[in-house]
């Protein structure tokens, strides 16, 4: 059996969660080519958190766990750059890394099992109500996010996106397999942020 083709990677100063939105402005040739290929062949690319180096650089270090992203919209920005919107799909872990001649990062990855639906416990219902209130105000890329307010993992991931957390904290949440563990952790961090704001 032949090995799966490598996944094109986009190292960013961001953490993408399954089901979450990602808006990008593309100007580098390597990423323009990647976007064209993804659109033409209906492929996903991988988003990984940048650990060292610059987003526009080739010599970078990135996290082992990331999320695939599927392009859902694109347009030409007023400044002439390509604007794209993608939505996170499936978590993966990087097994082997390589870099193309044009600087595009590729990896052989192991895809993690899709998260099973987990009913949101009543104790966390207030968090779902909070999201119902605030997510529509974000607009933009969130217009492409399917709503699952009764799912614990979905609520945890959307909170992780909007609560002002450090990237290290978002990455640790992404790496948690248990949706209830993720929800409990992000709820605690959200409460911490609220308490700090009132000091």
N, C-alpha and C. Protein backbone atom coordinates (compact mmCIF):
# COMPACT_ATOMS: atom_id res chain seq x y z
N UNK A 1 0.85 -1.20 0.00
CA UNK A 1 0.00 0.00 0.00
C UNK A 1 0.88 1.24 0.00
N UNK A 2 0.59 2.18 -0.91
CA UNK A 2 1.40 3.38 -1.01
C UNK A 2 1.08 4.34 0.13
N UNK A 3 2.09 5.13 0.52
CA UNK A 3 1.91 6.08 1.60
C UNK A 3 1.00 7.22 1.14
N UNK A 4 0.27 7.80 2.08
CA UNK A 4 -0.59 8.93 1.76
C UNK A 4 0.27 10.11 1.33
N UNK A 5 -0.22 10.94 0.42
CA UNK A 5 0.57 12.11 0.00
C UNK A 5 0.78 13.04 1.19
N UNK A 6 1.89 13.77 1.20
CA UNK A 6 2.14 14.67 2.33
C UNK A 6 1.12 15.81 2.36
N UNK A 7 0.92 16.33 3.54
CA UNK A 7 -0.01 17.43 3.75
C UNK A 7 0.76 18.74 3.70
N UNK A 8 0.27 19.68 2.89
CA UNK A 8 0.87 21.02 2.88
C UNK A 8 0.54 21.72 4.18
N UNK A 9 1.52 22.40 4.76
CA UNK A 9 1.34 23.05 6.06
C UNK A 9 1.45 24.56 5.94
N UNK A 10 0.70 25.23 6.81
CA UNK A 10 0.76 26.68 6.93
C UNK A 10 1.06 26.99 8.40
N UNK A 11 2.33 27.19 8.77
CA UNK A 11 2.65 27.55 10.16
C UNK A 11 2.22 28.99 10.44
N UNK A 12 1.43 29.18 11.49
CA UNK A 12 0.87 30.49 11.81
C UNK A 12 0.99 30.80 13.30
N UNK A 13 0.95 32.06 13.62
CA UNK A 13 0.85 32.48 15.02
C UNK A 13 -0.61 32.38 15.44
N UNK A 14 -1.15 31.18 15.34
CA UNK A 14 -2.56 30.94 15.64
C UNK A 14 -2.75 29.45 15.87
N UNK A 15 -3.85 29.11 16.52
CA UNK A 15 -4.25 27.72 16.72
C UNK A 15 -5.64 27.56 16.13
N UNK A 16 -5.78 26.64 15.18
CA UNK A 16 -7.07 26.39 14.54
C UNK A 16 -7.70 25.15 15.17
N UNK A 17 -8.99 25.28 15.53
CA UNK A 17 -9.73 24.15 16.11
C UNK A 17 -10.68 23.58 15.06
N UNK A 18 -10.99 22.28 15.17
CA UNK A 18 -11.99 21.72 14.26
C UNK A 18 -13.30 22.51 14.33
N UNK A 19 -13.84 22.82 13.17
CA UNK A 19 -15.08 23.58 13.11
C UNK A 19 -14.90 25.07 13.22
N UNK A 20 -13.69 25.54 13.45
CA UNK A 20 -13.44 26.96 13.64
C UNK A 20 -13.03 27.65 12.35
N UNK A 21 -13.19 28.98 12.30
CA UNK A 21 -12.90 29.74 11.09
C UNK A 21 -11.46 30.24 11.04
N UNK A 22 -10.98 30.43 9.84
CA UNK A 22 -9.65 30.98 9.63
C UNK A 22 -9.70 31.89 8.41
N UNK A 23 -9.41 33.17 8.60
CA UNK A 23 -9.35 34.13 7.49
C UNK A 23 -7.89 34.52 7.27
N UNK A 24 -7.45 34.45 6.02
CA UNK A 24 -6.05 34.71 5.69
C UNK A 24 -5.96 35.64 4.49
N UNK A 25 -4.87 36.40 4.47
CA UNK A 25 -4.50 37.19 3.28
C UNK A 25 -3.24 36.55 2.72
N UNK A 26 -3.32 36.10 1.49
CA UNK A 26 -2.24 35.32 0.89
C UNK A 26 -1.47 36.19 -0.11
N UNK A 27 -0.14 36.20 0.03
CA UNK A 27 0.67 36.97 -0.91
C UNK A 27 1.93 36.22 -1.33
N UNK A 28 2.39 35.24 -0.56
CA UNK A 28 3.61 34.51 -0.92
C UNK A 28 3.32 33.50 -2.03
N UNK A 29 4.20 33.39 -3.02
CA UNK A 29 3.97 32.44 -4.11
C UNK A 29 3.73 31.01 -3.65
N UNK A 30 4.45 30.56 -2.61
CA UNK A 30 4.29 29.18 -2.17
C UNK A 30 2.87 28.92 -1.67
N UNK A 31 2.29 29.91 -0.99
CA UNK A 31 0.94 29.73 -0.46
C UNK A 31 -0.13 30.00 -1.52
N UNK A 32 0.16 30.89 -2.47
CA UNK A 32 -0.76 31.08 -3.59
C UNK A 32 -0.88 29.78 -4.39
N UNK A 33 0.26 29.13 -4.62
CA UNK A 33 0.24 27.85 -5.33
C UNK A 33 -0.53 26.80 -4.53
N UNK A 34 -0.31 26.78 -3.20
CA UNK A 34 -0.99 25.83 -2.33
C UNK A 34 -2.50 26.03 -2.39
N UNK A 35 -2.94 27.28 -2.33
CA UNK A 35 -4.37 27.59 -2.37
C UNK A 35 -4.96 27.16 -3.71
N UNK A 36 -4.28 27.47 -4.81
CA UNK A 36 -4.78 27.06 -6.13
C UNK A 36 -4.94 25.54 -6.21
N UNK A 37 -3.94 24.84 -5.71
CA UNK A 37 -3.99 23.38 -5.75
C UNK A 37 -5.12 22.84 -4.88
N UNK A 38 -5.30 23.42 -3.70
CA UNK A 38 -6.37 22.97 -2.80
C UNK A 38 -7.74 23.21 -3.41
N UNK A 39 -7.91 24.37 -4.07
CA UNK A 39 -9.19 24.68 -4.69
C UNK A 39 -9.45 23.75 -5.89
N UNK A 40 -8.45 23.53 -6.71
CA UNK A 40 -8.61 22.74 -7.92
C UNK A 40 -8.87 21.28 -7.60
N UNK A 41 -8.15 20.76 -6.58
CA UNK A 41 -8.24 19.33 -6.27
C UNK A 41 -9.07 19.03 -5.03
N UNK A 42 -9.73 20.05 -4.49
CA UNK A 42 -10.57 19.87 -3.29
C UNK A 42 -9.76 19.26 -2.14
N UNK A 43 -8.56 19.80 -1.93
CA UNK A 43 -7.68 19.32 -0.88
C UNK A 43 -7.76 20.22 0.34
N UNK A 44 -7.35 19.67 1.47
CA UNK A 44 -7.17 20.48 2.67
C UNK A 44 -5.69 20.77 2.85
N UNK A 45 -5.38 21.76 3.68
CA UNK A 45 -4.00 22.00 4.11
C UNK A 45 -3.99 22.00 5.63
N UNK A 46 -2.80 21.91 6.19
CA UNK A 46 -2.69 21.82 7.64
C UNK A 46 -2.26 23.15 8.25
N UNK A 47 -2.91 23.52 9.34
CA UNK A 47 -2.52 24.71 10.10
C UNK A 47 -1.84 24.25 11.38
N UNK A 48 -0.62 24.72 11.58
CA UNK A 48 0.14 24.36 12.77
C UNK A 48 0.65 25.63 13.44
N UNK A 49 0.69 25.60 14.75
CA UNK A 49 1.13 26.78 15.48
C UNK A 49 2.64 26.97 15.32
N UNK A 50 3.03 28.18 14.96
CA UNK A 50 4.43 28.54 14.80
C UNK A 50 5.08 28.66 16.18
N UNK A 51 6.19 27.97 16.36
CA UNK A 51 6.91 28.04 17.64
C UNK A 51 8.12 28.95 17.56
N UNK A 52 8.85 28.88 16.45
CA UNK A 52 10.02 29.74 16.24
C UNK A 52 10.07 30.15 14.78
N UNK A 53 10.51 31.38 14.55
CA UNK A 53 10.61 31.89 13.19
C UNK A 53 9.43 32.78 12.84
N UNK A 54 9.45 33.31 11.63
CA UNK A 54 8.41 34.22 11.16
C UNK A 54 7.45 33.50 10.23
N UNK A 55 6.19 33.97 10.20
CA UNK A 55 5.19 33.34 9.34
C UNK A 55 5.62 33.36 7.87
N UNK A 56 6.33 34.38 7.47
CA UNK A 56 6.76 34.50 6.08
C UNK A 56 8.12 33.84 5.84
N UNK A 57 8.69 33.23 6.88
CA UNK A 57 10.00 32.63 6.73
C UNK A 57 9.93 31.16 6.37
N UNK A 58 11.06 30.62 5.92
CA UNK A 58 11.12 29.20 5.57
C UNK A 58 11.73 28.39 6.71
N UNK A 59 12.60 29.03 7.50
CA UNK A 59 13.29 28.34 8.59
C UNK A 59 12.49 28.53 9.88
N UNK A 60 11.55 27.63 10.10
CA UNK A 60 10.65 27.76 11.24
C UNK A 60 10.55 26.44 12.00
N UNK A 61 10.09 26.55 13.23
CA UNK A 61 9.74 25.38 14.04
C UNK A 61 8.26 25.48 14.36
N UNK A 62 7.55 24.36 14.26
CA UNK A 62 6.11 24.40 14.50
C UNK A 62 5.67 23.22 15.35
N UNK A 63 4.48 23.33 15.91
CA UNK A 63 3.94 22.33 16.83
C UNK A 63 3.68 21.00 16.11
N UNK A 64 3.67 19.93 16.88
CA UNK A 64 3.43 18.60 16.31
C UNK A 64 1.95 18.32 16.03
N UNK A 65 1.06 19.03 16.72
CA UNK A 65 -0.38 18.79 16.55
C UNK A 65 -1.01 20.00 15.88
N UNK A 66 -1.77 19.75 14.83
CA UNK A 66 -2.45 20.82 14.11
C UNK A 66 -3.82 20.37 13.64
N UNK A 67 -4.42 21.18 12.77
CA UNK A 67 -5.77 20.90 12.27
C UNK A 67 -5.80 21.16 10.77
N UNK A 68 -6.44 20.26 10.05
CA UNK A 68 -6.61 20.49 8.62
C UNK A 68 -7.63 21.61 8.40
N UNK A 69 -7.47 22.34 7.31
CA UNK A 69 -8.36 23.45 6.99
C UNK A 69 -8.86 23.28 5.56
N UNK A 70 -10.16 23.48 5.37
CA UNK A 70 -10.75 23.40 4.03
C UNK A 70 -11.20 24.79 3.60
N UNK A 71 -10.78 25.20 2.41
CA UNK A 71 -11.15 26.51 1.89
C UNK A 71 -12.64 26.54 1.56
N UNK A 72 -13.31 27.60 2.01
CA UNK A 72 -14.75 27.73 1.76
C UNK A 72 -15.10 29.01 1.01
N UNK A 73 -14.17 29.95 0.92
CA UNK A 73 -14.44 31.18 0.19
C UNK A 73 -13.12 31.88 -0.12
N UNK A 74 -13.13 32.70 -1.17
CA UNK A 74 -11.95 33.50 -1.50
C UNK A 74 -12.39 34.71 -2.29
N UNK A 75 -11.59 35.77 -2.21
CA UNK A 75 -11.85 36.96 -3.01
C UNK A 75 -10.57 37.78 -3.10
N UNK A 76 -10.58 38.77 -3.99
CA UNK A 76 -9.44 39.66 -4.13
C UNK A 76 -9.67 40.87 -3.23
N UNK A 77 -8.73 41.14 -2.35
CA UNK A 77 -8.83 42.23 -1.40
C UNK A 77 -8.61 43.58 -2.11
N UNK A 78 -9.03 44.69 -1.47
CA UNK A 78 -8.81 46.01 -2.08
C UNK A 78 -7.35 46.30 -2.39
N UNK A 79 -6.43 45.70 -1.62
CA UNK A 79 -5.00 45.93 -1.87
C UNK A 79 -4.43 44.96 -2.91
N UNK A 80 -5.30 44.15 -3.50
CA UNK A 80 -4.86 43.23 -4.54
C UNK A 80 -4.45 41.86 -4.05
N UNK A 81 -4.35 41.68 -2.72
CA UNK A 81 -3.99 40.38 -2.17
C UNK A 81 -5.17 39.43 -2.21
N UNK A 82 -4.88 38.14 -2.18
CA UNK A 82 -5.92 37.13 -2.17
C UNK A 82 -6.39 36.91 -0.73
N UNK A 83 -7.69 37.07 -0.51
CA UNK A 83 -8.26 36.77 0.80
C UNK A 83 -8.97 35.44 0.75
N UNK A 84 -8.71 34.57 1.74
CA UNK A 84 -9.37 33.27 1.77
C UNK A 84 -9.97 33.04 3.15
N UNK A 85 -11.03 32.24 3.17
CA UNK A 85 -11.63 31.79 4.42
C UNK A 85 -11.62 30.27 4.40
N UNK A 86 -11.16 29.68 5.50
CA UNK A 86 -11.14 28.23 5.64
C UNK A 86 -11.80 27.85 6.96
N UNK A 87 -12.21 26.60 7.05
CA UNK A 87 -12.80 26.08 8.28
C UNK A 87 -12.03 24.84 8.70
N UNK A 88 -11.70 24.77 9.99
CA UNK A 88 -10.96 23.63 10.51
C UNK A 88 -11.77 22.34 10.41
N UNK A 89 -11.06 21.23 10.14
CA UNK A 89 -11.76 19.95 10.01
C UNK A 89 -11.24 18.89 10.99
N UNK A 90 -10.04 18.41 10.78
CA UNK A 90 -9.57 17.24 11.52
C UNK A 90 -8.20 17.47 12.14
N UNK A 91 -8.06 17.09 13.39
CA UNK A 91 -6.76 17.21 14.04
C UNK A 91 -5.80 16.14 13.51
N UNK A 92 -4.51 16.48 13.55
CA UNK A 92 -3.49 15.52 13.11
C UNK A 92 -2.22 15.71 13.93
N UNK A 93 -1.36 14.72 13.86
CA UNK A 93 -0.03 14.84 14.46
C UNK A 93 1.01 14.63 13.36
N UNK A 94 2.03 15.45 13.40
CA UNK A 94 3.09 15.41 12.40
C UNK A 94 4.02 14.23 12.70
N UNK A 95 4.30 13.44 11.67
CA UNK A 95 5.21 12.30 11.80
C UNK A 95 6.57 12.61 11.19
N UNK A 96 6.56 13.13 9.96
CA UNK A 96 7.80 13.46 9.25
C UNK A 96 7.64 14.81 8.59
N UNK A 97 8.71 15.59 8.57
CA UNK A 97 8.66 16.94 8.02
C UNK A 97 9.59 17.07 6.83
N UNK A 98 9.19 17.91 5.88
CA UNK A 98 10.06 18.23 4.77
C UNK A 98 9.71 19.62 4.25
N UNK A 99 10.59 20.18 3.45
CA UNK A 99 10.37 21.52 2.88
C UNK A 99 10.62 21.45 1.38
N UNK A 100 9.65 21.94 0.61
CA UNK A 100 9.81 22.00 -0.84
C UNK A 100 10.84 23.05 -1.22
N UNK A 101 11.25 23.00 -2.47
CA UNK A 101 12.23 23.97 -2.96
C UNK A 101 11.72 25.41 -2.85
N UNK A 102 10.39 25.60 -2.95
CA UNK A 102 9.84 26.95 -2.86
C UNK A 102 9.58 27.40 -1.42
N UNK A 103 9.96 26.55 -0.46
CA UNK A 103 9.80 26.91 0.94
C UNK A 103 8.52 26.41 1.58
N UNK A 104 7.65 25.75 0.81
CA UNK A 104 6.40 25.23 1.38
C UNK A 104 6.72 24.04 2.28
N UNK A 105 6.16 24.06 3.49
CA UNK A 105 6.36 22.96 4.43
C UNK A 105 5.35 21.85 4.15
N UNK A 106 5.83 20.63 4.15
CA UNK A 106 5.02 19.44 3.96
C UNK A 106 5.26 18.49 5.11
N UNK A 107 4.29 17.61 5.37
CA UNK A 107 4.48 16.63 6.45
C UNK A 107 3.67 15.38 6.16
N UNK A 108 4.25 14.26 6.54
CA UNK A 108 3.47 13.03 6.67
C UNK A 108 2.81 13.10 8.04
N UNK A 109 1.51 12.88 8.07
CA UNK A 109 0.79 13.08 9.33
C UNK A 109 -0.05 11.85 9.67
N UNK A 110 -0.40 11.77 10.93
CA UNK A 110 -1.34 10.77 11.42
C UNK A 110 -2.60 11.52 11.83
N UNK A 111 -3.72 11.18 11.18
CA UNK A 111 -4.97 11.88 11.48
C UNK A 111 -5.58 11.31 12.74
N UNK A 112 -5.98 12.20 13.64
CA UNK A 112 -6.59 11.79 14.89
C UNK A 112 -8.08 11.51 14.66
N UNK A 113 -8.65 10.58 15.40
CA UNK A 113 -10.07 10.25 15.19
C UNK A 113 -10.95 11.48 15.38
N UNK A 114 -11.98 11.63 14.54
CA UNK A 114 -12.91 12.75 14.73
C UNK A 114 -13.52 12.69 16.13
N UNK A 115 -13.75 13.85 16.68
CA UNK A 115 -14.32 13.91 18.03
C UNK A 115 -15.78 13.49 18.01
N UNK A 116 -16.13 12.53 18.87
CA UNK A 116 -17.52 12.11 18.97
C UNK A 116 -18.34 13.20 19.66
N UNK A 117 -19.60 13.32 19.26
CA UNK A 117 -20.48 14.31 19.90
C UNK A 117 -20.63 13.97 21.38
N UNK A 118 -20.62 15.00 22.21
CA UNK A 118 -20.73 14.84 23.66
C UNK A 118 -21.72 15.89 24.16
N UNK A 119 -22.84 15.44 24.70
CA UNK A 119 -23.89 16.36 25.12
C UNK A 119 -23.39 17.32 26.18
N UNK A 120 -23.68 18.59 25.98
CA UNK A 120 -23.25 19.64 26.91
C UNK A 120 -23.97 19.47 28.24
N UNK A 121 -23.23 19.31 29.35
CA UNK A 121 -23.88 19.18 30.66
C UNK A 121 -24.60 20.47 31.04
N UNK A 122 -25.64 20.32 31.83
CA UNK A 122 -26.44 21.48 32.25
C UNK A 122 -25.59 22.51 32.98
N UNK A 123 -24.54 22.06 33.70
CA UNK A 123 -23.69 22.98 34.45
C UNK A 123 -22.97 23.97 33.54
N UNK A 124 -22.86 23.63 32.25
CA UNK A 124 -22.14 24.50 31.32
C UNK A 124 -23.08 25.17 30.32
N UNK A 125 -24.38 25.07 30.56
CA UNK A 125 -25.34 25.64 29.61
C UNK A 125 -25.16 27.15 29.46
N UNK A 126 -24.69 27.82 30.52
CA UNK A 126 -24.51 29.27 30.43
C UNK A 126 -23.43 29.65 29.42
N UNK A 127 -22.48 28.73 29.19
CA UNK A 127 -21.43 29.01 28.22
C UNK A 127 -21.99 28.95 26.79
N UNK A 128 -22.90 28.01 26.56
CA UNK A 128 -23.55 27.94 25.26
C UNK A 128 -24.38 29.19 25.01
N UNK A 129 -25.05 29.68 26.03
CA UNK A 129 -25.85 30.89 25.88
C UNK A 129 -24.96 32.09 25.60
N UNK A 130 -23.81 32.12 26.25
CA UNK A 130 -22.85 33.20 25.98
C UNK A 130 -22.43 33.19 24.51
N UNK A 131 -22.15 32.00 23.99
CA UNK A 131 -21.74 31.90 22.59
C UNK A 131 -22.88 32.29 21.65
N UNK A 132 -24.10 31.91 21.98
CA UNK A 132 -25.25 32.30 21.16
C UNK A 132 -25.34 33.82 21.03
N UNK A 133 -24.95 34.49 22.11
CA UNK A 133 -25.04 35.94 22.13
C UNK A 133 -23.89 36.61 21.39
N UNK A 134 -22.67 36.09 21.58
CA UNK A 134 -21.51 36.82 21.06
C UNK A 134 -21.04 36.38 19.67
N UNK A 135 -21.19 35.12 19.31
CA UNK A 135 -20.66 34.68 18.02
C UNK A 135 -21.26 35.43 16.83
N UNK A 136 -22.58 35.69 16.83
CA UNK A 136 -23.11 36.45 15.68
C UNK A 136 -22.49 37.83 15.55
N UNK A 137 -21.98 38.39 16.64
CA UNK A 137 -21.38 39.72 16.59
C UNK A 137 -20.00 39.69 15.92
N UNK A 138 -19.38 38.51 15.89
CA UNK A 138 -18.07 38.40 15.25
C UNK A 138 -18.21 38.49 13.73
N UNK A 139 -19.32 37.95 13.19
CA UNK A 139 -19.54 38.03 11.75
C UNK A 139 -18.38 37.44 10.97
N UNK A 140 -18.12 37.98 9.80
CA UNK A 140 -16.99 37.57 8.98
C UNK A 140 -16.92 36.07 8.78
N UNK A 141 -15.77 35.49 9.09
CA UNK A 141 -15.54 34.07 8.86
C UNK A 141 -16.47 33.18 9.68
N UNK A 142 -17.01 33.71 10.80
CA UNK A 142 -17.91 32.89 11.61
C UNK A 142 -19.22 32.57 10.89
N UNK A 143 -19.49 33.27 9.80
CA UNK A 143 -20.68 32.96 9.01
C UNK A 143 -20.59 31.55 8.43
N UNK A 144 -19.39 31.00 8.34
CA UNK A 144 -19.18 29.67 7.77
C UNK A 144 -19.12 28.56 8.82
N UNK A 145 -19.29 28.92 10.08
CA UNK A 145 -19.19 27.95 11.18
C UNK A 145 -20.57 27.39 11.49
N UNK A 146 -20.70 26.07 11.37
CA UNK A 146 -21.96 25.41 11.71
C UNK A 146 -22.12 25.40 13.23
N UNK A 147 -23.31 25.71 13.71
CA UNK A 147 -23.57 25.83 15.14
C UNK A 147 -23.98 24.49 15.75
N UNK A 148 -23.36 24.17 16.89
CA UNK A 148 -23.70 22.96 17.65
C UNK A 148 -23.66 23.31 19.14
N UNK A 149 -24.60 24.13 19.58
CA UNK A 149 -24.56 24.67 20.93
C UNK A 149 -24.82 23.62 22.01
N UNK A 150 -25.29 22.45 21.62
CA UNK A 150 -25.54 21.40 22.61
C UNK A 150 -24.39 20.40 22.70
N UNK A 151 -23.29 20.67 21.97
CA UNK A 151 -22.15 19.76 21.95
C UNK A 151 -21.00 20.33 22.78
N UNK A 152 -20.54 19.56 23.76
CA UNK A 152 -19.52 20.05 24.70
C UNK A 152 -18.22 20.41 24.00
N UNK A 153 -17.79 19.57 23.07
CA UNK A 153 -16.53 19.84 22.38
C UNK A 153 -16.61 21.08 21.51
N UNK A 154 -17.74 21.26 20.84
CA UNK A 154 -17.92 22.43 19.98
C UNK A 154 -17.92 23.70 20.83
N UNK A 155 -18.63 23.69 21.95
CA UNK A 155 -18.66 24.84 22.84
C UNK A 155 -17.26 25.14 23.37
N UNK A 156 -16.53 24.10 23.75
CA UNK A 156 -15.16 24.28 24.25
C UNK A 156 -14.27 24.93 23.20
N UNK A 157 -14.38 24.46 21.97
CA UNK A 157 -13.51 24.97 20.90
C UNK A 157 -13.83 26.42 20.55
N UNK A 158 -15.13 26.76 20.52
CA UNK A 158 -15.48 28.15 20.19
C UNK A 158 -15.05 29.08 21.33
N UNK A 159 -15.19 28.65 22.57
CA UNK A 159 -14.71 29.47 23.68
C UNK A 159 -13.21 29.67 23.60
N UNK A 160 -12.49 28.59 23.26
CA UNK A 160 -11.03 28.68 23.15
C UNK A 160 -10.60 29.69 22.10
N UNK A 161 -11.45 29.90 21.09
CA UNK A 161 -11.13 30.85 20.03
C UNK A 161 -11.35 32.30 20.45
N UNK A 162 -12.36 32.55 21.29
CA UNK A 162 -12.72 33.94 21.57
C UNK A 162 -12.24 34.44 22.92
N UNK A 163 -11.97 33.53 23.87
CA UNK A 163 -11.43 33.97 25.16
C UNK A 163 -9.97 34.37 24.96
N UNK A 164 -9.53 35.48 25.55
CA UNK A 164 -8.13 35.92 25.36
C UNK A 164 -7.13 35.03 26.09
N UNK A 165 -6.76 33.94 25.43
CA UNK A 165 -5.81 32.99 25.99
C UNK A 165 -4.47 33.13 25.29
N UNK A 166 -3.41 32.70 25.97
CA UNK A 166 -2.10 32.62 25.34
C UNK A 166 -2.12 31.50 24.31
N UNK A 167 -1.28 31.63 23.28
CA UNK A 167 -1.23 30.58 22.25
C UNK A 167 -0.85 29.23 22.84
N UNK A 168 0.00 29.24 23.86
CA UNK A 168 0.38 27.99 24.51
C UNK A 168 -0.84 27.31 25.13
N UNK A 169 -1.73 28.10 25.70
CA UNK A 169 -2.93 27.55 26.31
C UNK A 169 -3.87 27.00 25.24
N UNK A 170 -4.03 27.73 24.15
CA UNK A 170 -4.87 27.22 23.06
C UNK A 170 -4.30 25.91 22.51
N UNK A 171 -2.99 25.85 22.36
CA UNK A 171 -2.37 24.63 21.84
C UNK A 171 -2.61 23.46 22.77
N UNK A 172 -2.50 23.68 24.07
CA UNK A 172 -2.71 22.59 25.03
C UNK A 172 -4.16 22.11 24.97
N UNK A 173 -5.10 23.03 24.73
CA UNK A 173 -6.50 22.62 24.59
C UNK A 173 -6.70 21.79 23.32
N UNK A 174 -6.07 22.20 22.23
CA UNK A 174 -6.18 21.45 20.99
C UNK A 174 -5.68 20.02 21.16
N UNK A 175 -4.68 19.84 21.98
CA UNK A 175 -4.07 18.53 22.14
C UNK A 175 -4.84 17.62 23.08
N UNK A 176 -5.84 18.14 23.78
CA UNK A 176 -6.66 17.31 24.66
C UNK A 176 -7.67 16.53 23.83
N UNK A 177 -7.70 15.21 24.00
CA UNK A 177 -8.61 14.37 23.23
C UNK A 177 -10.02 14.36 23.82
N UNK A 178 -10.14 14.52 25.12
CA UNK A 178 -11.42 14.41 25.81
C UNK A 178 -12.16 15.76 25.75
N UNK A 179 -13.31 15.83 25.08
CA UNK A 179 -14.02 17.11 24.97
C UNK A 179 -14.43 17.70 26.32
N UNK A 180 -14.77 16.84 27.27
CA UNK A 180 -15.16 17.36 28.59
C UNK A 180 -13.96 17.94 29.32
N UNK A 181 -12.80 17.33 29.16
CA UNK A 181 -11.59 17.88 29.77
C UNK A 181 -11.27 19.23 29.16
N UNK A 182 -11.47 19.35 27.85
CA UNK A 182 -11.22 20.61 27.16
C UNK A 182 -12.20 21.69 27.63
N UNK A 183 -13.47 21.30 27.77
CA UNK A 183 -14.48 22.25 28.21
C UNK A 183 -14.22 22.71 29.63
N UNK A 184 -13.88 21.78 30.51
CA UNK A 184 -13.61 22.13 31.90
C UNK A 184 -12.43 23.08 32.00
N UNK A 185 -11.39 22.82 31.22
CA UNK A 185 -10.19 23.66 31.26
C UNK A 185 -10.46 25.05 30.73
N UNK A 186 -11.10 25.14 29.57
CA UNK A 186 -11.34 26.46 28.99
C UNK A 186 -12.34 27.24 29.82
N UNK A 187 -13.28 26.57 30.47
CA UNK A 187 -14.22 27.27 31.36
C UNK A 187 -13.48 27.86 32.55
N UNK A 188 -12.51 27.12 33.08
CA UNK A 188 -11.73 27.62 34.21
C UNK A 188 -10.90 28.82 33.78
N UNK A 189 -10.29 28.76 32.61
CA UNK A 189 -9.48 29.88 32.12
C UNK A 189 -10.36 31.09 31.81
N UNK A 190 -11.57 30.82 31.31
CA UNK A 190 -12.50 31.92 31.03
C UNK A 190 -12.90 32.61 32.33
N UNK A 191 -13.16 31.84 33.37
CA UNK A 191 -13.50 32.41 34.67
C UNK A 191 -12.34 33.21 35.23
N UNK A 192 -11.13 32.73 34.99
CA UNK A 192 -9.93 33.46 35.43
C UNK A 192 -9.84 34.82 34.74
N UNK A 193 -10.11 34.82 33.44
CA UNK A 193 -10.07 36.08 32.69
C UNK A 193 -11.11 37.06 33.22
N UNK A 194 -12.30 36.55 33.51
CA UNK A 194 -13.38 37.40 34.01
C UNK A 194 -13.02 37.99 35.37
N UNK A 195 -12.44 37.14 36.23
CA UNK A 195 -12.05 37.60 37.55
C UNK A 195 -10.95 38.66 37.47
N UNK A 196 -10.01 38.45 36.57
CA UNK A 196 -8.91 39.41 36.40
C UNK A 196 -9.42 40.76 35.90
N UNK A 197 -10.41 40.70 35.01
CA UNK A 197 -10.95 41.93 34.43
C UNK A 197 -11.67 42.79 35.48
N UNK A 198 -12.09 42.16 36.57
CA UNK A 198 -12.82 42.90 37.61
C UNK A 198 -11.95 43.33 38.77
N UNK A 199 -10.65 43.03 38.69
CA UNK A 199 -9.73 43.45 39.76
C UNK A 199 -9.39 44.93 39.61
